Amino acid sequence: MSNQDSHVPLPDLNSAEPMAMGDIGYNDDEQVTRIAADLEAVFDVPVQVSAVLGRSKMDVGELLRLGPGTVLELDRRVGEAIDIYVNNRLVARGEVVLVEDKLGVTMTEIIKAERA
C-alpha cells in the first residue's frame, strides 16, 4: 500500500457522546444489532493477523550468522506506529502495549482500503 491510503480514525469508545456521523448507524442500538446479526455468518471465519514491528533486509550469509543476543536493526524508530495486517492486507496502525506479562497491540487508526 502507498502513503496515499486514506486513514480513518477509530471512534472513542470511552466517550459518552454519540458519534457525529449518525448516518453510519452507531447511535442506534437496533441498527448495530442488525448489522452484527448480518455479519454473524462470518464470525467463525479464521483470519491471520500480523503486527509488524519493522523490517530489515540482509543476505542469507548474514542471516545464518545471527544468534542468541544478536540485535537486528529494523526500519522503524521507537514509538513509531506499527503496521497491522489481516490476511497480508494492511488494515490498521497501532502501538505496542504490555498487558500483564504479554505484548499486545492497540489499534490507533484504521486504513481504509480503496475498492477496485
PDB file of N, CA and C in Angstrom:
ATOM      1  N   MET A   1       0.839  -1.175   0.000  1.00  0.00           N
ATOM      2  CA  MET A   1       0.000   0.000   0.000  1.00  0.00           C
ATOM      3  C   MET A   1       0.887   1.243   0.000  1.00  0.00           C
ATOM      4  N   SER A   2       0.419   2.281  -0.563  1.00  0.00           N
ATOM      5  CA  SER A   2       1.200   3.507  -0.656  1.00  0.00           C
ATOM      6  C   SER A   2       0.824   4.465   0.466  1.00  0.00           C
ATOM      7  N   ASN A   3       1.570   5.548   0.546  1.00  0.00           N
ATOM      8  CA  ASN A   3       1.281   6.563   1.542  1.00  0.00           C
ATOM      9  C   ASN A   3       0.038   7.360   1.196  1.00  0.00           C
ATOM     10  N   GLN A   4      -0.538   7.098   0.022  1.00  0.00           N
ATOM     11  CA  GLN A   4      -1.726   7.818  -0.427  1.00  0.00           C
ATOM     12  C   GLN A   4      -3.002   7.227   0.152  1.00  0.00           C
ATOM     13  N   ASP A   5      -2.890   6.114   0.938  1.00  0.00           N
ATOM     14  CA  ASP A   5      -4.079   5.474   1.509  1.00  0.00           C
ATOM     15  C   ASP A   5      -4.826   6.443   2.416  1.00  0.00           C
ATOM     16  N   SER A   6      -6.130   6.316   2.449  1.00  0.00           N
ATOM     17  CA  SER A   6      -6.945   7.141   3.338  1.00  0.00           C
ATOM     18  C   SER A   6      -6.870   6.571   4.744  1.00  0.00           C
ATOM     19  N   HIS A   7      -6.851   7.417   5.745  1.00  0.00           N
ATOM     20  CA  HIS A   7      -6.800   6.987   7.134  1.00  0.00           C
ATOM     21  C   HIS A   7      -8.101   7.377   7.810  1.00  0.00           C
ATOM     22  N   VAL A   8      -8.729   6.416   8.488  1.00  0.00           N
ATOM     23  CA  VAL A   8      -9.972   6.672   9.188  1.00  0.00           C
ATOM     24  C   VAL A   8      -9.694   6.510  10.669  1.00  0.00           C
ATOM     25  N   PRO A   9      -9.833   7.560  11.488  1.00  0.00           N
ATOM     26  CA  PRO A   9      -9.543   7.429  12.916  1.00  0.00           C
ATOM     27  C   PRO A   9     -10.572   6.537  13.593  1.00  0.00           C
ATOM     28  N   LEU A  10     -10.124   5.831  14.642  1.00  0.00           N
ATOM     29  CA  LEU A  10     -11.026   4.987  15.408  1.00  0.00           C
ATOM     30  C   LEU A  10     -11.925   5.849  16.277  1.00  0.00           C
ATOM     31  N   PRO A  11     -13.174   5.441  16.498  1.00  0.00           N
ATOM     32  CA  PRO A  11     -14.050   6.208  17.391  1.00  0.00           C
ATOM     33  C   PRO A  11     -13.588   6.054  18.832  1.00  0.00           C
ATOM     34  N   ASP A  12     -13.866   7.047  19.653  1.00  0.00           N
ATOM     35  CA  ASP A  12     -13.549   6.992  21.071  1.00  0.00           C
ATOM     36  C   ASP A  12     -14.654   6.213  21.761  1.00  0.00           C
ATOM     37  N   LEU A  13     -14.390   4.944  22.078  1.00  0.00           N
ATOM     38  CA  LEU A  13     -15.412   4.086  22.668  1.00  0.00           C
ATOM     39  C   LEU A  13     -15.679   4.418  24.132  1.00  0.00           C
ATOM     40  N   ASN A  14     -14.785   5.185  24.745  1.00  0.00           N
ATOM     41  CA  ASN A  14     -14.974   5.558  26.144  1.00  0.00           C
ATOM     42  C   ASN A  14     -15.821   6.817  26.293  1.00  0.00           C
ATOM     43  N   SER A  15     -16.074   7.488  25.189  1.00  0.00           N
ATOM     44  CA  SER A  15     -16.833   8.728  25.219  1.00  0.00           C
ATOM     45  C   SER A  15     -18.318   8.445  25.387  1.00  0.00           C
ATOM     46  N   ALA A  16     -18.988   9.267  26.176  1.00  0.00           N
ATOM     47  CA  ALA A  16     -20.433   9.118  26.375  1.00  0.00           C
ATOM     48  C   ALA A  16     -21.209   9.771  25.241  1.00  0.00           C
ATOM     49  N   GLU A  17     -20.530  10.613  24.445  1.00  0.00           N
ATOM     50  CA  GLU A  17     -21.193  11.318  23.358  1.00  0.00           C
ATOM     51  C   GLU A  17     -21.332  10.405  22.146  1.00  0.00           C
ATOM     52  N   PRO A  18     -22.461  10.471  21.430  1.00  0.00           N
ATOM     53  CA  PRO A  18     -22.603   9.676  20.201  1.00  0.00           C
ATOM     54  C   PRO A  18     -21.699  10.217  19.109  1.00  0.00           C
ATOM     55  N   MET A  19     -21.359   9.364  18.148  1.00  0.00           N
ATOM     56  CA  MET A  19     -20.512   9.787  17.033  1.00  0.00           C
ATOM     57  C   MET A  19     -21.231  10.840  16.200  1.00  0.00           C
ATOM     58  N   ALA A  20     -20.454  11.709  15.584  1.00  0.00           N
ATOM     59  CA  ALA A  20     -21.027  12.785  14.779  1.00  0.00           C
ATOM     60  C   ALA A  20     -21.636  12.276  13.484  1.00  0.00           C
ATOM     61  N   MET A  21     -21.144  11.137  12.973  1.00  0.00           N
ATOM     62  CA  MET A  21     -21.616  10.617  11.707  1.00  0.00           C
ATOM     63  C   MET A  21     -22.809   9.698  11.953  1.00  0.00           C
ATOM     64  N   GLY A  22     -23.972  10.255  12.210  1.00  0.00           N
ATOM     65  CA  GLY A  22     -25.155   9.493  12.550  1.00  0.00           C
ATOM     66  C   GLY A  22     -25.653   8.595  11.443  1.00  0.00           C
ATOM     67  N   ASP A  23     -25.277   8.889  10.192  1.00  0.00           N
ATOM     68  CA  ASP A  23     -25.768   8.076   9.087  1.00  0.00           C
ATOM     69  C   ASP A  23     -25.138   6.687   9.060  1.00  0.00           C
ATOM     70  N   ILE A  24     -24.089   6.451   9.834  1.00  0.00           N
ATOM     71  CA  ILE A  24     -23.460   5.135   9.862  1.00  0.00           C
ATOM     72  C   ILE A  24     -24.296   4.166  10.691  1.00  0.00           C
ATOM     73  N   GLY A  25     -25.008   4.653  11.680  1.00  0.00           N
ATOM     74  CA  GLY A  25     -25.848   3.792  12.498  1.00  0.00           C
ATOM     75  C   GLY A  25     -25.265   3.484  13.854  1.00  0.00           C
ATOM     76  N   TYR A  26     -24.191   4.143  14.262  1.00  0.00           N
ATOM     77  CA  TYR A  26     -23.584   3.880  15.556  1.00  0.00           C
ATOM     78  C   TYR A  26     -24.440   4.388  16.712  1.00  0.00           C
ATOM     79  N   ASN A  27     -25.339   5.315  16.463  1.00  0.00           N
ATOM     80  CA  ASN A  27     -26.136   5.893  17.529  1.00  0.00           C
ATOM     81  C   ASN A  27     -27.355   5.039  17.858  1.00  0.00           C
ATOM     82  N   ASP A  28     -27.730   4.143  17.007  1.00  0.00           N
ATOM     83  CA  ASP A  28     -28.950   3.380  17.158  1.00  0.00           C
ATOM     84  C   ASP A  28     -28.624   1.938  17.514  1.00  0.00           C
ATOM     85  N   ASP A  29     -28.955   1.520  18.748  1.00  0.00           N
ATOM     86  CA  ASP A  29     -28.643   0.169  19.204  1.00  0.00           C
ATOM     87  C   ASP A  29     -29.286  -0.894  18.318  1.00  0.00           C
ATOM     88  N   GLU A  30     -30.480  -0.635  17.844  1.00  0.00           N
ATOM     89  CA  GLU A  30     -31.172  -1.592  16.977  1.00  0.00           C
ATOM     90  C   GLU A  30     -30.414  -1.775  15.667  1.00  0.00           C
ATOM     91  N   GLN A  31     -29.913  -0.681  15.110  1.00  0.00           N
ATOM     92  CA  GLN A  31     -29.146  -0.737  13.864  1.00  0.00           C
ATOM     93  C   GLN A  31     -27.863  -1.533  14.063  1.00  0.00           C
ATOM     94  N   VAL A  32     -27.169  -1.307  15.178  1.00  0.00           N
ATOM     95  CA  VAL A  32     -25.932  -2.030  15.469  1.00  0.00           C
ATOM     96  C   VAL A  32     -26.223  -3.515  15.622  1.00  0.00           C
ATOM     97  N   THR A  33     -27.295  -3.861  16.307  1.00  0.00           N
ATOM     98  CA  THR A  33     -27.676  -5.260  16.485  1.00  0.00           C
ATOM     99  C   THR A  33     -27.975  -5.911  15.145  1.00  0.00           C
ATOM    100  N   ARG A  34     -28.654  -5.205  14.255  1.00  0.00           N
ATOM    101  CA  ARG A  34     -28.982  -5.746  12.929  1.00  0.00           C
ATOM    102  C   ARG A  34     -27.711  -5.969  12.118  1.00  0.00           C
ATOM    103  N   ILE A  35     -26.792  -5.015  12.171  1.00  0.00           N
ATOM    104  CA  ILE A  35     -25.535  -5.153  11.440  1.00  0.00           C
ATOM    105  C   ILE A  35     -24.749  -6.347  11.972  1.00  0.00           C
ATOM    106  N   ALA A  36     -24.687  -6.498  13.292  1.00  0.00           N
ATOM    107  CA  ALA A  36     -23.985  -7.634  13.884  1.00  0.00           C
ATOM    108  C   ALA A  36     -24.628  -8.950  13.467  1.00  0.00           C
ATOM    109  N   ALA A  37     -25.952  -8.995  13.432  1.00  0.00           N
ATOM    110  CA  ALA A  37     -26.654 -10.210  13.014  1.00  0.00           C
ATOM    111  C   ALA A  37     -26.365 -10.525  11.554  1.00  0.00           C
ATOM    112  N   ASP A  38     -26.275  -9.502  10.705  1.00  0.00           N
ATOM    113  CA  ASP A  38     -25.969  -9.709   9.293  1.00  0.00           C
ATOM    114  C   ASP A  38     -24.561 -10.290   9.105  1.00  0.00           C
ATOM    115  N   LEU A  39     -23.655  -9.940   9.984  1.00  0.00           N
ATOM    116  CA  LEU A  39     -22.263 -10.398   9.875  1.00  0.00           C
ATOM    117  C   LEU A  39     -22.011 -11.721  10.592  1.00  0.00           C
ATOM    118  N   GLU A  40     -23.002 -12.230  11.293  1.00  0.00           N
ATOM    119  CA  GLU A  40     -22.808 -13.425  12.113  1.00  0.00           C
ATOM    120  C   GLU A  40     -22.277 -14.610  11.316  1.00  0.00           C
ATOM    121  N   ALA A  41     -22.611 -14.705  10.058  1.00  0.00           N
ATOM    122  CA  ALA A  41     -22.161 -15.825   9.230  1.00  0.00           C
ATOM    123  C   ALA A  41     -20.639 -15.857   9.068  1.00  0.00           C
ATOM    124  N   VAL A  42     -19.967 -14.721   9.194  1.00  0.00           N
ATOM    125  CA  VAL A  42     -18.512 -14.687   9.004  1.00  0.00           C
ATOM    126  C   VAL A  42     -17.742 -14.661  10.322  1.00  0.00           C
ATOM    127  N   PHE A  43     -18.416 -14.703  11.456  1.00  0.00           N
ATOM    128  CA  PHE A  43     -17.734 -14.624  12.747  1.00  0.00           C
ATOM    129  C   PHE A  43     -16.744 -15.767  12.962  1.00  0.00           C
ATOM    130  N   ASP A  44     -16.993 -16.939  12.407  1.00  0.00           N
ATOM    131  CA  ASP A  44     -16.133 -18.097  12.621  1.00  0.00           C
ATOM    132  C   ASP A  44     -15.097 -18.297  11.518  1.00  0.00           C
ATOM    133  N   VAL A  45     -14.993 -17.363  10.582  1.00  0.00           N
ATOM    134  CA  VAL A  45     -14.009 -17.488   9.513  1.00  0.00           C
ATOM    135  C   VAL A  45     -12.636 -17.123  10.081  1.00  0.00           C
ATOM    136  N   PRO A  46     -11.678 -18.056  10.008  1.00  0.00           N
ATOM    137  CA  PRO A  46     -10.348 -17.750  10.555  1.00  0.00           C
ATOM    138  C   PRO A  46      -9.590 -16.779   9.663  1.00  0.00           C
ATOM    139  N   VAL A  47      -8.849 -15.871  10.281  1.00  0.00           N
ATOM    140  CA  VAL A  47      -8.002 -14.927   9.565  1.00  0.00           C
ATOM    141  C   VAL A  47      -6.636 -14.905  10.240  1.00  0.00           C
ATOM    142  N   GLN A  48      -5.625 -14.520   9.486  1.00  0.00           N
ATOM    143  CA  GLN A  48      -4.281 -14.391  10.033  1.00  0.00           C
ATOM    144  C   GLN A  48      -4.026 -12.920  10.331  1.00  0.00           C
ATOM    145  N   VAL A  49      -3.704 -12.603  11.566  1.00  0.00           N
ATOM    146  CA  VAL A  49      -3.428 -11.227  11.970  1.00  0.00           C
ATOM    147  C   VAL A  49      -1.936 -11.119  12.295  1.00  0.00           C
ATOM    148  N   SER A  50      -1.270 -10.136  11.686  1.00  0.00           N
ATOM    149  CA  SER A  50       0.158  -9.912  11.914  1.00  0.00           C
ATOM    150  C   SER A  50       0.381  -8.472  12.329  1.00  0.00           C
ATOM    151  N   ALA A  51       1.204  -8.276  13.339  1.00  0.00           N
ATOM    152  CA  ALA A  51       1.618  -6.943  13.763  1.00  0.00           C
ATOM    153  C   ALA A  51       3.111  -6.822  13.466  1.00  0.00           C
ATOM    154  N   VAL A  52       3.462  -5.953  12.522  1.00  0.00           N
ATOM    155  CA  VAL A  52       4.838  -5.850  12.053  1.00  0.00           C
ATOM    156  C   VAL A  52       5.532  -4.693  12.767  1.00  0.00           C
ATOM    157  N   LEU A  53       6.542  -5.036  13.565  1.00  0.00           N
ATOM    158  CA  LEU A  53       7.298  -4.026  14.298  1.00  0.00           C
ATOM    159  C   LEU A  53       8.248  -3.266  13.386  1.00  0.00           C
ATOM    160  N   GLY A  54       8.707  -3.907  12.332  1.00  0.00           N
ATOM    161  CA  GLY A  54       9.630  -3.295  11.397  1.00  0.00           C
ATOM    162  C   GLY A  54      10.187  -4.357  10.478  1.00  0.00           C
ATOM    163  N   ARG A  55      11.024  -3.928   9.532  1.00  0.00           N
ATOM    164  CA  ARG A  55      11.602  -4.855   8.558  1.00  0.00           C
ATOM    165  C   ARG A  55      13.098  -4.592   8.443  1.00  0.00           C
ATOM    166  N   SER A  56      13.783  -5.611   7.951  1.00  0.00           N
ATOM    167  CA  SER A  56      15.217  -5.489   7.704  1.00  0.00           C
ATOM    168  C   SER A  56      15.584  -6.407   6.544  1.00  0.00           C
ATOM    169  N   LYS A  57      16.512  -5.971   5.698  1.00  0.00           N
ATOM    170  CA  LYS A  57      16.996  -6.798   4.591  1.00  0.00           C
ATOM    171  C   LYS A  57      18.423  -7.215   4.889  1.00  0.00           C
ATOM    172  N   MET A  58      18.741  -8.469   4.529  1.00  0.00           N
ATOM    173  CA  MET A  58      20.100  -8.967   4.722  1.00  0.00           C
ATOM    174  C   MET A  58      20.342 -10.136   3.788  1.00  0.00           C
ATOM    175  N   ASP A  59      21.604 -10.440   3.583  1.00  0.00           N
ATOM    176  CA  ASP A  59      21.978 -11.599   2.788  1.00  0.00           C
ATOM    177  C   ASP A  59      21.782 -12.858   3.622  1.00  0.00           C
ATOM    178  N   VAL A  60      21.671 -13.991   2.957  1.00  0.00           N
ATOM    179  CA  VAL A  60      21.494 -15.270   3.650  1.00  0.00           C
ATOM    180  C   VAL A  60      22.673 -15.531   4.580  1.00  0.00           C
ATOM    181  N   GLY A  61      23.869 -15.166   4.152  1.00  0.00           N
ATOM    182  CA  GLY A  61      25.056 -15.357   4.991  1.00  0.00           C
ATOM    183  C   GLY A  61      24.942 -14.606   6.312  1.00  0.00           C
ATOM    184  N   GLU A  62      24.454 -13.359   6.248  1.00  0.00           N
ATOM    185  CA  GLU A  62      24.248 -12.569   7.467  1.00  0.00           C
ATOM    186  C   GLU A  62      23.185 -13.216   8.350  1.00  0.00           C
ATOM    187  N   LEU A  63      22.119 -13.700   7.722  1.00  0.00           N
ATOM    188  CA  LEU A  63      21.035 -14.349   8.454  1.00  0.00           C
ATOM    189  C   LEU A  63      21.545 -15.565   9.213  1.00  0.00           C
ATOM    190  N   LEU A  64      22.409 -16.359   8.579  1.00  0.00           N
ATOM    191  CA  LEU A  64      22.939 -17.569   9.211  1.00  0.00           C
ATOM    192  C   LEU A  64      23.875 -17.250  10.376  1.00  0.00           C
ATOM    193  N   ARG A  65      24.464 -16.050  10.391  1.00  0.00           N
ATOM    194  CA  ARG A  65      25.360 -15.655  11.480  1.00  0.00           C
ATOM    195  C   ARG A  65      24.610 -15.108  12.698  1.00  0.00           C
ATOM    196  N   LEU A  66      23.302 -14.915  12.581  1.00  0.00           N
ATOM    197  CA  LEU A  66      22.530 -14.427  13.732  1.00  0.00           C
ATOM    198  C   LEU A  66      22.478 -15.497  14.808  1.00  0.00           C
ATOM    199  N   GLY A  67      22.516 -15.062  16.034  1.00  0.00           N
ATOM    200  CA  GLY A  67      22.449 -15.996  17.149  1.00  0.00           C
ATOM    201  C   GLY A  67      21.764 -15.343  18.333  1.00  0.00           C
ATOM    202  N   PRO A  68      21.661 -16.073  19.435  1.00  0.00           N
ATOM    203  CA  PRO A  68      21.034 -15.512  20.642  1.00  0.00           C
ATOM    204  C   PRO A  68      21.735 -14.227  21.074  1.00  0.00           C
ATOM    205  N   GLY A  69      20.958 -13.206  21.365  1.00  0.00           N
ATOM    206  CA  GLY A  69      21.504 -11.927  21.819  1.00  0.00           C
ATOM    207  C   GLY A  69      21.850 -10.972  20.702  1.00  0.00           C
ATOM    208  N   THR A  70      21.738 -11.417  19.447  1.00  0.00           N
ATOM    209  CA  THR A  70      22.027 -10.536  18.321  1.00  0.00           C
ATOM    210  C   THR A  70      20.940  -9.473  18.211  1.00  0.00           C
ATOM    211  N   VAL A  71      21.346  -8.223  18.025  1.00  0.00           N
ATOM    212  CA  VAL A  71      20.391  -7.136  17.837  1.00  0.00           C
ATOM    213  C   VAL A  71      20.215  -6.922  16.348  1.00  0.00           C
ATOM    214  N   LEU A  72      18.977  -6.992  15.905  1.00  0.00           N
ATOM    215  CA  LEU A  72      18.651  -6.819  14.492  1.00  0.00           C
ATOM    216  C   LEU A  72      18.029  -5.443  14.316  1.00  0.00           C
ATOM    217  N   GLU A  73      18.676  -4.582  13.554  1.00  0.00           N
ATOM    218  CA  GLU A  73      18.178  -3.222  13.341  1.00  0.00           C
ATOM    219  C   GLU A  73      17.000  -3.247  12.372  1.00  0.00           C
ATOM    220  N   LEU A  74      15.895  -2.633  12.767  1.00  0.00           N
ATOM    221  CA  LEU A  74      14.696  -2.562  11.940  1.00  0.00           C
ATOM    222  C   LEU A  74      14.558  -1.172  11.338  1.00  0.00           C
ATOM    223  N   ASP A  75      13.644  -1.026  10.391  1.00  0.00           N
ATOM    224  CA  ASP A  75      13.461   0.247   9.694  1.00  0.00           C
ATOM    225  C   ASP A  75      12.510   1.199  10.419  1.00  0.00           C
ATOM    226  N   ARG A  76      12.169   0.920  11.646  1.00  0.00           N
ATOM    227  CA  ARG A  76      11.269   1.780  12.426  1.00  0.00           C
ATOM    228  C   ARG A  76      11.996   2.316  13.649  1.00  0.00           C
ATOM    229  N   ARG A  77      11.525   3.445  14.130  1.00  0.00           N
ATOM    230  CA  ARG A  77      12.071   4.038  15.352  1.00  0.00           C
ATOM    231  C   ARG A  77      11.173   3.689  16.528  1.00  0.00           C
ATOM    232  N   VAL A  78      11.732   3.782  17.719  1.00  0.00           N
ATOM    233  CA  VAL A  78      10.965   3.547  18.938  1.00  0.00           C
ATOM    234  C   VAL A  78       9.827   4.551  19.003  1.00  0.00           C
ATOM    235  N   GLY A  79       8.626   4.075  19.299  1.00  0.00           N
ATOM    236  CA  GLY A  79       7.465   4.945  19.406  1.00  0.00           C
ATOM    237  C   GLY A  79       6.713   5.133  18.098  1.00  0.00           C
ATOM    238  N   GLU A  80       7.297   4.694  16.980  1.00  0.00           N
ATOM    239  CA  GLU A  80       6.619   4.801  15.693  1.00  0.00           C
ATOM    240  C   GLU A  80       5.490   3.778  15.631  1.00  0.00           C
ATOM    241  N   ALA A  81       4.430   4.106  14.910  1.00  0.00           N
ATOM    242  CA  ALA A  81       3.295   3.186  14.772  1.00  0.00           C
ATOM    243  C   ALA A  81       3.729   1.915  14.062  1.00  0.00           C
ATOM    244  N   ILE A  82       3.134   0.792  14.458  1.00  0.00           N
ATOM    245  CA  ILE A  82       3.406  -0.471  13.791  1.00  0.00           C
ATOM    246  C   ILE A  82       2.267  -0.777  12.828  1.00  0.00           C
ATOM    247  N   ASP A  83       2.543  -1.594  11.830  1.00  0.00           N
ATOM    248  CA  ASP A  83       1.532  -1.960  10.848  1.00  0.00           C
ATOM    249  C   ASP A  83       0.812  -3.224  11.293  1.00  0.00           C
ATOM    250  N   ILE A  84      -0.510  -3.247  11.110  1.00  0.00           N
ATOM    251  CA  ILE A  84      -1.325  -4.404  11.462  1.00  0.00           C
ATOM    252  C   ILE A  84      -1.950  -4.933  10.171  1.00  0.00           C
ATOM    253  N   TYR A  85      -1.657  -6.183   9.864  1.00  0.00           N
ATOM    254  CA  TYR A  85      -2.140  -6.828   8.646  1.00  0.00           C
ATOM    255  C   TYR A  85      -3.154  -7.907   8.995  1.00  0.00           C
ATOM    256  N   VAL A  86      -4.193  -8.035   8.174  1.00  0.00           N
ATOM    257  CA  VAL A  86      -5.125  -9.157   8.252  1.00  0.00           C
ATOM    258  C   VAL A  86      -5.069  -9.846   6.903  1.00  0.00           C
ATOM    259  N   ASN A  87      -4.709 -11.122   6.921  1.00  0.00           N
ATOM    260  CA  ASN A  87      -4.519 -11.891   5.682  1.00  0.00           C
ATOM    261  C   ASN A  87      -3.624 -11.145   4.691  1.00  0.00           C
ATOM    262  N   ASN A  88      -2.493 -10.649   5.193  1.00  0.00           N
ATOM    263  CA  ASN A  88      -1.477  -9.959   4.400  1.00  0.00           C
ATOM    264  C   ASN A  88      -1.951  -8.645   3.775  1.00  0.00           C
ATOM    265  N   ARG A  89      -3.029  -8.081   4.272  1.00  0.00           N
ATOM    266  CA  ARG A  89      -3.509  -6.783   3.802  1.00  0.00           C
ATOM    267  C   ARG A  89      -3.415  -5.784   4.960  1.00  0.00           C
ATOM    268  N   LEU A  90      -2.770  -4.645   4.706  1.00  0.00           N
ATOM    269  CA  LEU A  90      -2.641  -3.611   5.726  1.00  0.00           C
ATOM    270  C   LEU A  90      -4.023  -3.060   6.058  1.00  0.00           C
ATOM    271  N   VAL A  91      -4.443  -3.185   7.318  1.00  0.00           N
ATOM    272  CA  VAL A  91      -5.770  -2.724   7.711  1.00  0.00           C
ATOM    273  C   VAL A  91      -5.735  -1.651   8.797  1.00  0.00           C
ATOM    274  N   ALA A  92      -4.610  -1.557   9.528  1.00  0.00           N
ATOM    275  CA  ALA A  92      -4.572  -0.601  10.634  1.00  0.00           C
ATOM    276  C   ALA A  92      -3.130  -0.307  11.031  1.00  0.00           C
ATOM    277  N   ARG A  93      -2.982   0.708  11.854  1.00  0.00           N
ATOM    278  CA  ARG A  93      -1.707   1.002  12.501  1.00  0.00           C
ATOM    279  C   ARG A  93      -1.977   1.054  13.990  1.00  0.00           C
ATOM    280  N   GLY A  94      -0.965   0.777  14.776  1.00  0.00           N
ATOM    281  CA  GLY A  94      -1.182   0.740  16.206  1.00  0.00           C
ATOM    282  C   GLY A  94       0.088   0.910  17.005  1.00  0.00           C
ATOM    283  N   GLU A  95      -0.052   0.671  18.303  1.00  0.00           N
ATOM    284  CA  GLU A  95       1.063   0.800  19.234  1.00  0.00           C
ATOM    285  C   GLU A  95       1.183  -0.491  20.036  1.00  0.00           C
ATOM    286  N   VAL A  96       2.424  -0.823  20.391  1.00  0.00           N
ATOM    287  CA  VAL A  96       2.670  -1.999  21.223  1.00  0.00           C
ATOM    288  C   VAL A  96       2.329  -1.649  22.666  1.00  0.00           C
ATOM    289  N   VAL A  97       1.620  -2.565  23.340  1.00  0.00           N
ATOM    290  CA  VAL A  97       1.278  -2.371  24.748  1.00  0.00           C
ATOM    291  C   VAL A  97       1.680  -3.622  25.522  1.00  0.00           C
ATOM    292  N   LEU A  98       1.877  -3.466  26.817  1.00  0.00           N
ATOM    293  CA  LEU A  98       2.185  -4.580  27.693  1.00  0.00           C
ATOM    294  C   LEU A  98       0.952  -4.860  28.537  1.00  0.00           C
ATOM    295  N   VAL A  99       0.417  -6.079  28.430  1.00  0.00           N
ATOM    296  CA  VAL A  99      -0.755  -6.494  29.189  1.00  0.00           C
ATOM    297  C   VAL A  99      -0.313  -7.642  30.083  1.00  0.00           C
ATOM    298  N   GLU A 100      -0.233  -7.363  31.387  1.00  0.00           N
ATOM    299  CA  GLU A 100       0.335  -8.298  32.363  1.00  0.00           C
ATOM    300  C   GLU A 100       1.731  -8.668  31.902  1.00  0.00           C
ATOM    301  N   ASP A 101       1.990  -9.913  31.522  1.00  0.00           N
ATOM    302  CA  ASP A 101       3.341 -10.300  31.104  1.00  0.00           C
ATOM    303  C   ASP A 101       3.419 -10.590  29.607  1.00  0.00           C
ATOM    304  N   LYS A 102       2.434 -10.112  28.842  1.00  0.00           N
ATOM    305  CA  LYS A 102       2.400 -10.382  27.405  1.00  0.00           C
ATOM    306  C   LYS A 102       2.357  -9.080  26.616  1.00  0.00           C
ATOM    307  N   LEU A 103       2.918  -9.134  25.399  1.00  0.00           N
ATOM    308  CA  LEU A 103       2.835  -7.985  24.496  1.00  0.00           C
ATOM    309  C   LEU A 103       1.517  -8.025  23.750  1.00  0.00           C
ATOM    310  N   GLY A 104       0.978  -6.868  23.481  1.00  0.00           N
ATOM    311  CA  GLY A 104      -0.246  -6.757  22.712  1.00  0.00           C
ATOM    312  C   GLY A 104      -0.146  -5.548  21.800  1.00  0.00           C
ATOM    313  N   VAL A 105      -1.198  -5.319  21.037  1.00  0.00           N
ATOM    314  CA  VAL A 105      -1.240  -4.179  20.122  1.00  0.00           C
ATOM    315  C   VAL A 105      -2.572  -3.481  20.292  1.00  0.00           C
ATOM    316  N   THR A 106      -2.543  -2.174  20.381  1.00  0.00           N
ATOM    317  CA  THR A 106      -3.766  -1.392  20.381  1.00  0.00           C
ATOM    318  C   THR A 106      -3.829  -0.634  19.058  1.00  0.00           C
ATOM    319  N   MET A 107      -4.965  -0.724  18.371  1.00  0.00           N
ATOM    320  CA  MET A 107      -5.103  -0.042  17.084  1.00  0.00           C
ATOM    321  C   MET A 107      -5.356   1.443  17.327  1.00  0.00           C
ATOM    322  N   THR A 108      -4.626   2.285  16.607  1.00  0.00           N
ATOM    323  CA  THR A 108      -4.790   3.730  16.741  1.00  0.00           C
ATOM    324  C   THR A 108      -5.424   4.355  15.502  1.00  0.00           C
ATOM    325  N   GLU A 109      -5.332   3.671  14.354  1.00  0.00           N
ATOM    326  CA  GLU A 109      -6.003   4.164  13.153  1.00  0.00           C
ATOM    327  C   GLU A 109      -6.310   2.998  12.225  1.00  0.00           C
ATOM    328  N   ILE A 110      -7.438   3.097  11.542  1.00  0.00           N
ATOM    329  CA  ILE A 110      -7.859   2.110  10.566  1.00  0.00           C
ATOM    330  C   ILE A 110      -7.460   2.627   9.183  1.00  0.00           C
ATOM    331  N   ILE A 111      -6.914   1.752   8.365  1.00  0.00           N
ATOM    332  CA  ILE A 111      -6.538   2.119   7.000  1.00  0.00           C
ATOM    333  C   ILE A 111      -7.693   1.739   6.091  1.00  0.00           C
ATOM    334  N   LYS A 112      -8.266   2.732   5.455  1.00  0.00           N
ATOM    335  CA  LYS A 112      -9.394   2.490   4.551  1.00  0.00           C
ATOM    336  C   LYS A 112      -8.848   2.052   3.201  1.00  0.00           C
ATOM    337  N   ALA A 113      -9.180   0.820   2.807  1.00  0.00           N
ATOM    338  CA  ALA A 113      -8.705   0.288   1.527  1.00  0.00           C
ATOM    339  C   ALA A 113      -9.536   0.854   0.382  1.00  0.00           C
ATOM    340  N   GLU A 114      -8.856   1.115  -0.715  1.00  0.00           N
ATOM    341  CA  GLU A 114      -9.556   1.587  -1.907  1.00  0.00           C
ATOM    342  C   GLU A 114     -10.136   0.389  -2.631  1.00  0.00           C
ATOM    343  N   ARG A 115     -11.406   0.469  -3.009  1.00  0.00           N
ATOM    344  CA  ARG A 115     -12.067  -0.618  -3.730  1.00  0.00           C
ATOM    345  C   ARG A 115     -11.708  -0.564  -5.205  1.00  0.00           C
ATOM    346  N   ALA A 116     -11.477  -1.736  -5.799  1.00  0.00           N
ATOM    347  CA  ALA A 116     -11.122  -1.789  -7.223  1.00  0.00           C
ATOM    348  C   ALA A 116     -12.345  -1.685  -8.086  1.00  0.00           C
TER     349      ALA A 116
END
